[in-house]
Amino acid sequence: MLNLSHVMQKPGRLAIAPSDDGLAIADLKPGKTHPSLTLCEFTPWKSTDNRETVVAARSASLHLKNRACATVLETSDYNILNMEAPNVPDEEVNDAIRWQIRDLIDFDVEDAVIEVFPAPPGNGIQQKRLLHVVVTRAQTLKTRADLIYSAKTKLDVVDIPELALRNIATRLQEDSTGVALVHLTAERGMVLISRKGQLYFARTMNTGIRGFKETSQTSGDLALADTSPFDRLILEIQRSLDYYDRYFSQPPIAGIVFTPLAEPVPGLFDFVKKSLGVNVRELDMAEVVEFGDNVSPTGVAQCVVAIGAAMRDFQ
């Protein structure tokens, strides 16, 4: 999303993605048919951890010093606004957008860092150019940069989860006609819709694996469980599909794909399929990456966003 410097890069891409849960690190190199995942590591935070110390230690252990590096903001670190592109030359778009959003954010616009990327046109406005506008605070970027710099890497890209996950969605066979990609962490989730490499829509959810697990474990049978967390997930996905259909008038999506779950949730995929009447499956990451000799496919679930960020140079 944000290119911070012009760093001479070796082939491939390193991504370091701290989150509420822990530290995810992924390294991709060119492969035969897919990018080759040569490093995939997740380190949970301990309550006593100094995060900069953890990042520095893992970087030293993995010999990441001086590597060009991307990172990914957390969803609480920024806002995405959908706006009509101002009628100004491209080099003046960011300044014009800054003036337009001053009443749409809850902090001084002078402290805002803004980045834009194209949005597909909706119904009836095909002649208008639309933009996704990402807005964050300068201090938020500085805090994240300081954390990554503790790894002694050369931070050159700050990305967002929507675009990192989009990089994965574009490699799925369903993307040619439209795919809803669902990513779940312990406490949160995100559903995005991609078609032919274009991000159409993304929605964050306060619904995560932990709530599903607690519900399933209480009853031992999803069919008998209090399904309210599952119903909330269905509602969020259905709202996303309805918006995609109504606003963009695209053909129905080919299916719903869940990124690998860090913990299994028995009955989840069947529940979603029966509720929505759409093909549902869990992504096998071997569809989008080759696994290096020292990387196990079983360890990728908590590194999905980092892997997506590392894919930015392989699109």
Protein backbone atom coordinates (compact mmCIF):
# COMPACT_ATOMS: atom_id res chain seq x y z
CA MET A 1 0.00 0.00 0.00
CA LEU A 2 2.55 2.59 1.15
CA ASN A 3 5.99 2.48 -0.45
CA LEU A 4 8.32 4.04 2.09
CA SER A 5 11.62 3.83 0.27
CA HIS A 6 13.40 2.59 -2.81
CA VAL A 7 15.21 -0.46 -1.47
CA MET A 8 17.31 -2.66 -3.74
CA GLN A 9 15.59 -6.02 -3.52
CA LYS A 10 16.77 -9.56 -3.97
CA PRO A 11 14.26 -11.83 -5.72
CA GLY A 12 11.35 -12.55 -3.40
CA ARG A 13 9.65 -10.75 -0.57
CA LEU A 14 9.84 -10.86 3.23
CA ALA A 15 6.80 -9.85 5.31
CA ILE A 16 6.66 -9.28 9.07
CA ALA A 17 3.12 -8.95 10.39
CA PRO A 18 2.65 -8.35 14.12
CA SER A 19 -0.94 -8.73 15.34
CA ASP A 20 -2.85 -8.96 18.61
CA ASP A 21 -2.12 -12.69 18.69
CA GLY A 22 1.57 -12.76 17.88
CA LEU A 23 4.30 -12.24 15.32
CA ALA A 24 3.91 -13.76 11.83
CA ILE A 25 6.87 -13.89 9.44
CA ALA A 26 6.73 -15.16 5.86
CA ASP A 27 9.36 -15.22 3.13
CA LEU A 28 8.56 -15.99 -0.50
CA LYS A 29 11.01 -16.68 -3.31
CA PRO A 30 10.32 -17.38 -6.99
CA GLY A 31 9.20 -20.98 -7.51
CA LYS A 32 8.42 -23.29 -10.41
CA THR A 33 4.65 -22.77 -10.66
CA HIS A 34 3.87 -20.76 -7.51
CA PRO A 35 5.91 -18.55 -5.20
CA SER A 36 8.01 -20.73 -2.90
CA LEU A 37 7.38 -20.28 0.84
CA THR A 38 10.84 -20.64 2.31
CA LEU A 39 10.01 -19.30 5.78
CA CYS A 40 6.76 -19.36 7.71
CA GLU A 41 6.85 -18.74 11.45
CA PHE A 42 4.36 -17.61 14.06
CA THR A 43 5.43 -16.60 17.58
CA PRO A 44 2.60 -15.98 20.09
CA TRP A 45 3.07 -13.00 22.38
CA LYS A 46 3.52 -13.66 26.07
CA SER A 47 1.97 -11.22 28.52
CA THR A 48 5.41 -10.17 29.70
CA ASP A 49 6.87 -9.71 26.22
CA ASN A 50 8.47 -6.53 25.02
CA ARG A 51 7.43 -6.80 21.38
CA GLU A 52 10.47 -5.00 19.99
CA THR A 53 12.70 -7.45 21.85
CA VAL A 54 10.80 -10.41 20.39
CA VAL A 55 10.96 -8.99 16.85
CA ALA A 56 14.69 -8.30 17.20
CA ALA A 57 15.38 -11.79 18.56
CA ARG A 58 13.44 -13.61 15.85
CA SER A 59 15.06 -11.51 13.13
CA ALA A 60 18.52 -12.27 14.45
CA SER A 61 17.77 -15.98 14.74
CA LEU A 62 16.37 -16.12 11.19
CA HIS A 63 19.11 -13.90 9.69
CA LEU A 64 16.71 -11.27 8.35
CA LYS A 65 19.00 -8.26 8.81
CA ASN A 66 19.05 -5.80 5.89
CA ARG A 67 16.27 -7.61 4.01
CA ALA A 68 13.68 -5.47 2.21
CA CYS A 69 10.54 -6.01 4.22
CA ALA A 70 6.77 -5.42 4.13
CA THR A 71 4.49 -5.18 7.12
CA VAL A 72 0.71 -5.21 7.54
CA LEU A 73 -1.35 -2.89 9.70
CA GLU A 74 -4.06 -4.26 11.96
CA THR A 75 -7.67 -3.44 11.09
CA SER A 76 -7.95 -1.12 14.11
CA ASP A 77 -5.06 1.00 12.78
CA TYR A 78 -6.80 2.57 9.77
CA ASN A 79 -10.08 3.35 8.04
CA ILE A 80 -11.12 2.68 4.44
CA LEU A 81 -13.43 5.21 2.78
CA ASN A 82 -15.04 4.70 -0.63
CA MET A 83 -15.13 7.94 -2.58
CA GLU A 84 -15.54 9.33 -6.06
CA ALA A 85 -12.19 10.29 -7.51
CA PRO A 86 -11.71 14.07 -7.61
CA ASN A 87 -11.46 15.67 -11.04
CA VAL A 88 -7.80 16.62 -10.76
CA PRO A 89 -4.53 15.34 -12.29
CA ASP A 90 -3.31 12.07 -10.79
CA GLU A 91 -0.44 13.73 -8.97
CA GLU A 92 -2.94 15.97 -7.13
CA VAL A 93 -5.41 13.25 -6.10
CA ASN A 94 -4.05 12.70 -2.59
CA ASP A 95 -4.10 16.42 -1.78
CA ALA A 96 -7.67 16.73 -3.07
CA ILE A 97 -8.78 13.68 -1.09
CA ARG A 98 -7.17 15.08 2.05
CA TRP A 99 -9.34 18.17 1.75
CA GLN A 100 -12.47 16.08 1.18
CA ILE A 101 -12.04 13.75 4.16
CA ARG A 102 -11.35 16.39 6.79
CA ASP A 103 -14.88 16.02 8.21
CA LEU A 104 -14.98 12.24 7.87
CA ILE A 105 -12.21 11.36 10.33
CA ASP A 106 -11.98 11.91 14.08
CA PHE A 107 -8.50 13.44 14.16
CA ASP A 108 -6.69 16.37 12.60
CA VAL A 109 -6.35 15.81 8.86
CA GLU A 110 -2.84 17.25 9.05
CA ASP A 111 -1.91 14.15 11.05
CA ALA A 112 -3.39 11.80 8.45
CA VAL A 113 -1.48 9.58 6.06
CA ILE A 114 -3.54 8.78 2.96
CA GLU A 115 -3.21 6.18 0.23
CA VAL A 116 -5.68 5.36 -2.53
CA PHE A 117 -6.29 2.40 -4.83
CA PRO A 118 -8.92 1.89 -7.54
CA ALA A 119 -12.42 0.67 -6.75
CA PRO A 120 -14.72 -0.91 -9.35
CA PRO A 121 -17.69 1.21 -10.48
CA GLY A 122 -21.14 0.49 -9.14
CA ASN A 123 -24.52 0.50 -10.83
CA GLY A 124 -25.40 3.59 -12.79
CA ILE A 125 -22.08 5.33 -12.26
CA GLN A 126 -19.92 3.51 -14.76
CA GLN A 127 -18.51 6.81 -15.99
CA LYS A 128 -17.29 7.82 -12.54
CA ARG A 129 -13.93 6.75 -11.25
CA LEU A 130 -14.14 5.46 -7.69
CA LEU A 131 -11.39 5.03 -5.13
CA HIS A 132 -10.76 3.10 -1.94
CA VAL A 133 -9.13 5.62 0.40
CA VAL A 134 -7.00 4.27 3.25
CA VAL A 135 -6.51 6.72 6.13
CA THR A 136 -4.29 6.25 9.15
CA ARG A 137 -2.48 8.44 11.65
CA ALA A 138 1.14 9.33 11.09
CA GLN A 139 1.90 8.22 14.66
CA THR A 140 0.40 4.80 13.93
CA LEU A 141 2.79 4.34 11.03
CA LYS A 142 5.73 5.55 13.11
CA THR A 143 4.91 3.08 15.88
CA ARG A 144 4.71 0.20 13.44
CA ALA A 145 7.88 1.31 11.62
CA ASP A 146 9.78 1.48 14.88
CA LEU A 147 8.69 -2.07 15.71
CA ILE A 148 9.82 -3.41 12.33
CA TYR A 149 13.07 -1.45 12.43
CA SER A 150 13.93 -3.33 15.61
CA ALA A 151 14.38 -6.34 13.29
CA LYS A 152 17.11 -4.35 11.49
CA THR A 153 15.29 -4.98 8.23
CA LYS A 154 14.63 -2.33 5.57
CA LEU A 155 10.93 -1.57 5.72
CA ASP A 156 9.72 -0.46 2.31
CA VAL A 157 6.00 -1.34 2.22
CA VAL A 158 3.16 -0.92 4.71
CA ASP A 159 0.14 -2.93 3.59
CA ILE A 160 -3.38 -3.63 4.89
CA PRO A 161 -5.05 -7.04 5.39
CA GLU A 162 -7.63 -6.42 2.66
CA LEU A 163 -4.93 -6.16 0.00
CA ALA A 164 -2.79 -8.94 1.46
CA LEU A 165 -5.78 -11.30 1.36
CA ARG A 166 -6.72 -10.04 -2.10
CA ASN A 167 -3.30 -11.23 -3.29
CA ILE A 168 -4.30 -14.74 -2.22
CA ALA A 169 -7.84 -14.53 -3.61
CA THR A 170 -6.59 -13.62 -7.08
CA ARG A 171 -4.74 -16.95 -7.26
CA LEU A 172 -7.86 -19.04 -6.64
CA GLN A 173 -9.69 -20.72 -9.50
CA GLU A 174 -12.95 -19.16 -8.27
CA ASP A 175 -11.60 -15.64 -8.76
CA SER A 176 -12.29 -15.75 -12.50
CA THR A 177 -16.01 -15.50 -11.81
CA GLY A 178 -15.92 -14.14 -8.26
CA VAL A 179 -14.94 -15.49 -4.86
CA ALA A 180 -15.75 -14.60 -1.26
CA LEU A 181 -12.62 -15.17 0.84
CA VAL A 182 -13.21 -15.50 4.58
CA HIS A 183 -10.31 -15.13 7.01
CA LEU A 184 -10.82 -15.89 10.72
CA THR A 185 -8.46 -15.19 13.60
CA ALA A 186 -9.07 -16.04 17.24
CA GLU A 187 -11.30 -13.03 17.90
CA ARG A 188 -12.05 -11.41 14.55
CA GLY A 189 -12.72 -12.08 10.92
CA MET A 190 -12.83 -10.55 7.47
CA VAL A 191 -14.81 -11.38 4.35
CA LEU A 192 -13.79 -9.91 1.03
CA ILE A 193 -15.05 -10.37 -2.50
CA SER A 194 -12.62 -10.50 -5.40
CA ARG A 195 -13.22 -11.00 -9.10
CA LYS A 196 -10.56 -11.12 -11.81
CA GLY A 197 -7.96 -9.67 -9.47
CA GLN A 198 -10.13 -6.72 -8.43
CA LEU A 199 -11.09 -6.15 -4.80
CA TYR A 200 -14.79 -5.29 -4.82
CA PHE A 201 -15.68 -5.25 -1.17
CA ALA A 202 -14.33 -6.12 2.28
CA ARG A 203 -16.06 -6.31 5.65
CA THR A 204 -14.48 -6.83 9.06
CA MET A 205 -16.26 -8.94 11.66
CA ASN A 206 -16.12 -9.17 15.45
CA THR A 207 -16.56 -12.91 15.11
CA GLY A 208 -13.68 -15.33 15.42
CA ILE A 209 -12.65 -18.93 15.94
CA ARG A 210 -12.73 -18.73 19.73
CA GLY A 211 -16.47 -18.00 19.78
CA PHE A 212 -17.18 -20.86 17.40
CA LYS A 213 -15.05 -23.27 19.42
CA GLU A 214 -16.74 -22.36 22.69
CA THR A 215 -20.16 -22.84 21.12
CA SER A 216 -19.29 -26.23 19.63
CA GLN A 217 -17.62 -27.52 22.77
CA THR A 218 -20.59 -26.58 24.96
CA SER A 219 -22.99 -28.85 23.06
CA GLY A 220 -20.63 -31.29 21.37
CA ASP A 221 -22.80 -31.07 18.27
CA LEU A 222 -23.15 -28.02 16.08
CA ALA A 223 -26.67 -29.09 15.09
CA LEU A 224 -27.72 -28.86 18.75
CA ALA A 225 -25.62 -25.85 19.70
CA ASP A 226 -26.53 -22.27 20.38
CA THR A 227 -25.58 -21.18 16.88
CA SER A 228 -25.59 -17.42 17.49
CA PRO A 229 -21.87 -16.93 16.65
CA PHE A 230 -22.37 -18.96 13.50
CA ASP A 231 -25.53 -17.02 12.68
CA ARG A 232 -23.58 -13.76 13.00
CA LEU A 233 -21.01 -15.09 10.56
CA ILE A 234 -23.75 -16.09 8.11
CA LEU A 235 -25.32 -12.64 8.43
CA GLU A 236 -22.04 -10.87 7.69
CA ILE A 237 -21.33 -13.05 4.65
CA GLN A 238 -24.90 -12.71 3.37
CA ARG A 239 -24.78 -8.92 3.73
CA SER A 240 -21.53 -8.88 1.76
CA LEU A 241 -22.97 -11.03 -1.02
CA ASP A 242 -26.14 -8.93 -1.15
CA TYR A 243 -24.13 -5.71 -1.41
CA TYR A 244 -21.94 -7.18 -4.16
CA ASP A 245 -25.00 -8.28 -6.13
CA ARG A 246 -27.01 -5.11 -5.62
CA TYR A 247 -24.30 -2.48 -6.00
CA PHE A 248 -22.11 -4.04 -8.68
CA SER A 249 -24.57 -6.23 -10.63
CA GLN A 250 -21.98 -8.97 -11.13
CA PRO A 251 -22.78 -12.65 -11.75
CA PRO A 252 -23.10 -14.81 -8.61
CA ILE A 253 -19.79 -15.73 -7.01
CA ALA A 254 -18.33 -19.17 -7.69
CA GLY A 255 -18.04 -19.98 -4.01
CA ILE A 256 -16.86 -19.13 -0.51
CA VAL A 257 -13.31 -20.06 0.44
CA PHE A 258 -12.06 -20.00 4.04
CA THR A 259 -8.38 -19.47 4.63
CA PRO A 260 -6.85 -22.27 6.74
CA LEU A 261 -8.17 -22.26 10.30
CA ALA A 262 -5.68 -22.18 13.16
CA GLU A 263 -8.02 -24.56 15.00
CA PRO A 264 -10.63 -26.86 13.45
CA VAL A 265 -14.28 -25.90 13.93
CA PRO A 266 -16.32 -29.06 13.32
CA GLY A 267 -19.38 -28.49 11.17
CA LEU A 268 -18.54 -24.91 10.23
CA PHE A 269 -18.24 -25.35 6.48
CA ASP A 270 -21.37 -27.51 6.20
CA PHE A 271 -23.29 -24.98 8.27
CA VAL A 272 -22.25 -22.12 5.98
CA LYS A 273 -23.01 -24.14 2.84
CA LYS A 274 -26.47 -25.17 4.03
CA SER A 275 -27.28 -21.67 5.24
CA LEU A 276 -26.23 -19.84 2.08
CA GLY A 277 -26.61 -22.46 -0.64
CA VAL A 278 -23.14 -21.68 -2.02
CA ASN A 279 -20.11 -23.91 -2.55
CA VAL A 280 -17.88 -23.68 0.53
CA ARG A 281 -14.38 -25.05 1.07
CA GLU A 282 -11.21 -24.50 3.07
CA LEU A 283 -8.20 -23.27 1.14
CA ASP A 284 -5.28 -25.62 0.69
CA MET A 285 -2.33 -23.21 0.66
CA ALA A 286 -0.54 -25.54 -1.77
CA GLU A 287 -2.87 -24.02 -4.38
CA VAL A 288 -1.09 -20.68 -4.09
CA VAL A 289 2.43 -21.41 -2.80
CA GLU A 290 5.06 -24.11 -3.04
CA PHE A 291 6.36 -25.26 0.32
CA GLY A 292 10.08 -25.04 0.96
CA ASP A 293 11.99 -27.89 2.52
CA ASN A 294 11.75 -26.48 6.03
CA VAL A 295 8.14 -25.30 5.93
CA SER A 296 5.20 -27.44 7.00
CA PRO A 297 1.74 -26.81 5.50
CA THR A 298 0.28 -27.32 8.98
CA GLY A 299 1.88 -24.13 10.29
CA VAL A 300 0.55 -21.59 7.80
CA ALA A 301 -2.87 -20.71 9.27
CA GLN A 302 -1.62 -17.95 11.55
CA CYS A 303 0.66 -16.56 8.85
CA VAL A 304 -1.92 -16.18 6.06
CA VAL A 305 -1.90 -12.36 6.08
CA ALA A 306 1.90 -12.26 6.13
CA ILE A 307 2.00 -14.70 3.21
CA GLY A 308 -0.48 -12.52 1.31
CA ALA A 309 1.63 -9.44 1.93
CA ALA A 310 4.73 -11.28 0.68
CA MET A 311 2.82 -12.13 -2.52
CA ARG A 312 2.62 -8.50 -3.62
CA ASP A 313 5.67 -8.92 -5.85
CA PHE A 314 4.30 -12.07 -7.50
CA GLN A 315 1.06 -10.69 -8.98
